[in-house]
Amino acid sequence: MVNVDCAGGQDRDTTTSETHPYIPPSRTRNCYTNTDGPAPFDSSLCGTSGDRACISKGGINACKSDNQGGYCKDNEKYYVAQGDTFIELTRSDLLDRYKEGGDTHETSREVNRALNNQERRFTNRIRELQIMGKDPLIQRDVSKKEDNEVHSFVGDLLTRIGIGFSAIMFIISVCIILIQNKVI
């Protein structure tokens, strides 16, 4: 399986939605004008020359991802999409983007997707093994539990008989010793 990268180095499998293929990744959304404009996002075009990121502003290689939605860098000019056009960012605007430190929580979103994907794979593998008759889940055997209860009861009974027998033997021994010493 080939990992396809969208503009800005965004992995198509983890940063785009299968159910909403026309919504760009959050870290590069400013590289695309809105769907009414000349460059709407389409996840099926990621990694191809048809990817319409930063169209007329340097192309897909000009798209740079960041936590504020990305930007297009064409030579020494920086642009972000606003509606159906690109507006130029001044250097102070670009610095302000990083001063604010806004975070889209992209990392936690990727971790949650990875965990959900791993859980789905485990569940599918367990179901496959169950269908094949090899249940990987440990099942408690009820009959063994009953056997343990019976063995436990018998063991306790024999222990009590042994203690009782030992006590009787001790009393008999004490009596014999007392009789021999003519105390009784």
Protein backbone atom coordinates (compact mmCIF):
# COMPACT_ATOMS: atom_id res chain seq x y z
CA MET A 1 0.00 0.00 0.00
CA VAL A 2 1.36 3.40 -0.99
CA ASN A 3 1.18 6.37 1.38
CA VAL A 4 0.04 9.38 -0.60
CA ASP A 5 0.95 12.88 0.57
CA CYS A 6 -1.24 15.87 -0.10
CA ALA A 7 0.19 19.37 -0.37
CA GLY A 8 2.20 20.47 2.65
CA GLY A 9 3.32 16.90 3.41
CA GLN A 10 -0.09 15.85 4.77
CA ASP A 11 -0.70 12.10 4.67
CA ARG A 12 -3.96 11.47 2.86
CA ASP A 13 -4.83 8.41 5.00
CA THR A 14 -4.54 10.18 8.36
CA THR A 15 -5.32 13.85 7.70
CA THR A 16 -8.24 13.72 5.27
CA SER A 17 -11.72 12.38 5.83
CA GLU A 18 -13.12 9.44 3.89
CA THR A 19 -16.65 10.69 4.46
CA HIS A 20 -15.85 14.32 3.53
CA PRO A 21 -13.25 14.10 0.73
CA TYR A 22 -13.69 17.76 -0.25
CA ILE A 23 -12.58 19.20 3.11
CA PRO A 24 -8.83 19.93 3.15
CA PRO A 25 -6.59 18.89 6.06
CA SER A 26 -6.72 21.40 8.91
CA ARG A 27 -2.98 22.11 8.69
CA THR A 28 -3.19 23.14 5.01
CA ARG A 29 -6.73 24.52 4.66
CA ASN A 30 -5.37 28.01 3.82
CA CYS A 31 -3.61 26.61 0.75
CA TYR A 32 -6.96 25.99 -0.94
CA THR A 33 -9.57 28.52 -1.96
CA ASN A 34 -13.17 27.63 -1.18
CA THR A 35 -15.15 25.21 -3.35
CA ASP A 36 -16.79 28.04 -5.31
CA GLY A 37 -13.37 29.29 -6.42
CA PRO A 38 -10.82 27.95 -8.90
CA ALA A 39 -9.05 25.48 -6.56
CA PRO A 40 -11.31 23.35 -4.37
CA PHE A 41 -9.75 20.47 -2.45
CA ASP A 42 -10.27 16.90 -3.61
CA SER A 43 -8.58 14.12 -1.62
CA SER A 44 -8.49 11.84 -4.67
CA LEU A 45 -6.13 14.32 -6.37
CA CYS A 46 -3.56 14.31 -3.53
CA GLY A 47 -0.07 13.49 -4.72
CA THR A 48 -0.90 14.21 -8.37
CA SER A 49 -0.38 17.20 -10.61
CA GLY A 50 -4.13 17.80 -10.31
CA ASP A 51 -3.80 18.82 -6.64
CA ARG A 52 -4.99 22.43 -6.63
CA ALA A 53 -3.17 23.76 -3.57
CA CYS A 54 -1.66 27.24 -3.95
CA ILE A 55 -2.85 27.42 -7.53
CA SER A 56 -1.29 30.51 -9.17
CA LYS A 57 0.86 31.02 -6.04
CA GLY A 58 3.63 28.50 -6.62
CA GLY A 59 1.71 25.21 -6.87
CA ILE A 60 1.58 22.27 -4.47
CA ASN A 61 5.25 22.58 -3.48
CA ALA A 62 4.61 26.12 -2.24
CA CYS A 63 2.09 24.94 0.38
CA LYS A 64 3.54 24.94 3.90
CA SER A 65 1.60 23.37 6.76
CA ASP A 66 1.27 24.85 10.23
CA ASN A 67 -1.18 24.84 13.15
CA GLN A 68 -2.97 27.94 11.82
CA GLY A 69 -4.02 26.29 8.57
CA GLY A 70 -0.92 26.65 6.44
CA TYR A 71 0.13 29.21 3.84
CA CYS A 72 1.59 29.45 0.35
CA LYS A 73 5.17 30.63 -0.06
CA ASP A 74 5.89 31.97 -3.55
CA ASN A 75 9.47 33.29 -3.76
CA GLU A 76 9.62 35.58 -0.71
CA LYS A 77 5.88 36.30 -0.50
CA TYR A 78 3.38 34.53 1.71
CA TYR A 79 -0.31 33.99 0.91
CA VAL A 80 -3.38 32.51 2.59
CA ALA A 81 -6.70 31.68 0.97
CA GLN A 82 -9.60 33.95 1.87
CA GLY A 83 -12.77 32.85 0.13
CA ASP A 84 -12.01 32.41 -3.56
CA THR A 85 -8.79 34.50 -3.64
CA PHE A 86 -5.40 34.58 -2.00
CA ILE A 87 -4.34 37.50 0.15
CA GLU A 88 -0.73 38.35 0.82
CA LEU A 89 0.60 38.14 4.37
CA THR A 90 3.11 40.66 5.54
CA ARG A 91 6.08 39.40 7.51
CA SER A 92 4.52 40.77 10.72
CA ASP A 93 1.27 38.88 9.94
CA LEU A 94 3.31 35.72 9.50
CA LEU A 95 5.12 36.30 12.80
CA ASP A 96 1.81 37.00 14.56
CA ARG A 97 0.57 33.58 13.47
CA TYR A 98 3.33 31.99 15.50
CA LYS A 99 3.17 34.38 18.46
CA GLU A 100 -0.43 33.42 19.15
CA GLY A 101 0.58 29.77 19.33
CA GLY A 102 -2.85 28.58 18.27
CA ASP A 103 -3.06 24.83 18.26
CA THR A 104 -5.55 22.81 16.26
CA HIS A 105 -4.80 19.71 18.33
CA GLU A 106 -3.74 17.92 15.17
CA THR A 107 -1.47 15.60 17.16
CA SER A 108 -4.25 14.35 19.42
CA ARG A 109 -6.49 13.87 16.39
CA GLU A 110 -3.81 11.75 14.69
CA VAL A 111 -3.25 9.71 17.84
CA ASN A 112 -7.00 9.08 18.22
CA ARG A 113 -7.24 8.00 14.58
CA ALA A 114 -4.28 5.66 14.99
CA LEU A 115 -5.73 4.13 18.17
CA ASN A 116 -9.14 3.67 16.54
CA ASN A 117 -7.47 2.09 13.51
CA GLN A 118 -5.47 -0.29 15.73
CA GLU A 119 -8.58 -1.24 17.72
CA ARG A 120 -10.47 -1.90 14.50
CA ARG A 121 -7.68 -4.17 13.23
CA PHE A 122 -7.58 -6.12 16.52
CA THR A 123 -11.35 -6.55 16.52
CA ASN A 124 -11.31 -7.73 12.89
CA ARG A 125 -8.53 -10.23 13.62
CA ILE A 126 -10.40 -11.62 16.64
CA ARG A 127 -13.56 -12.00 14.55
CA GLU A 128 -11.61 -13.77 11.78
CA LEU A 129 -10.15 -16.26 14.27
CA GLN A 130 -13.57 -16.85 15.84
CA ILE A 131 -15.07 -17.56 12.41
CA MET A 132 -12.27 -20.05 11.72
CA GLY A 133 -13.03 -21.78 15.04
CA LYS A 134 -9.88 -20.62 16.84
CA ASP A 135 -11.21 -18.37 19.56
CA PRO A 136 -8.25 -16.30 20.86
CA LEU A 137 -10.19 -14.97 23.83
CA ILE A 138 -9.70 -16.89 27.08
CA GLN A 139 -12.97 -18.44 28.19
CA ARG A 140 -13.50 -19.66 31.74
CA ASP A 141 -14.58 -23.26 31.89
CA VAL A 142 -17.52 -23.69 34.26
CA SER A 143 -16.90 -27.45 34.74
CA LYS A 144 -13.38 -26.80 36.06
CA LYS A 145 -14.77 -24.39 38.60
CA GLU A 146 -17.16 -27.07 39.87
CA ASP A 147 -14.30 -29.58 40.02
CA ASN A 148 -12.28 -27.13 42.08
CA GLU A 149 -15.20 -26.69 44.48
CA VAL A 150 -15.58 -30.48 44.88
CA HIS A 151 -11.84 -30.94 45.37
CA SER A 152 -11.80 -28.08 47.85
CA PHE A 153 -14.65 -29.64 49.85
CA VAL A 154 -13.01 -33.08 49.91
CA GLY A 155 -9.66 -31.55 50.85
CA ASP A 156 -11.21 -29.61 53.73
CA LEU A 157 -13.04 -32.73 54.94
CA LEU A 158 -9.88 -34.86 54.94
CA THR A 159 -7.97 -32.11 56.76
CA ARG A 160 -10.60 -31.95 59.51
CA ILE A 161 -10.65 -35.76 59.85
CA GLY A 162 -6.85 -35.74 60.14
CA ILE A 163 -6.87 -33.01 62.81
CA GLY A 164 -9.62 -34.84 64.74
CA PHE A 165 -7.75 -38.16 64.54
CA SER A 166 -4.53 -36.48 65.75
CA ALA A 167 -6.35 -34.86 68.68
CA ILE A 168 -7.89 -38.22 69.73
CA MET A 169 -4.49 -39.93 69.47
CA PHE A 170 -2.95 -37.21 71.65
CA ILE A 171 -5.60 -37.62 74.35
CA ILE A 172 -5.21 -41.42 74.30
CA SER A 173 -1.40 -41.05 74.56
CA VAL A 174 -1.71 -38.70 77.55
CA CYS A 175 -4.10 -41.12 79.25
CA ILE A 176 -1.72 -44.05 78.70
CA ILE A 177 1.19 -42.06 80.15
CA LEU A 178 -0.88 -41.05 83.20
CA ILE A 179 -2.01 -44.67 83.74
CA GLN A 180 1.60 -45.93 83.54
CA ASN A 181 2.72 -43.35 86.09
CA LYS A 182 -0.25 -44.36 88.29
CA VAL A 183 -1.62 -40.87 88.32
CA ILE A 184 -5.01 -42.08 87.20
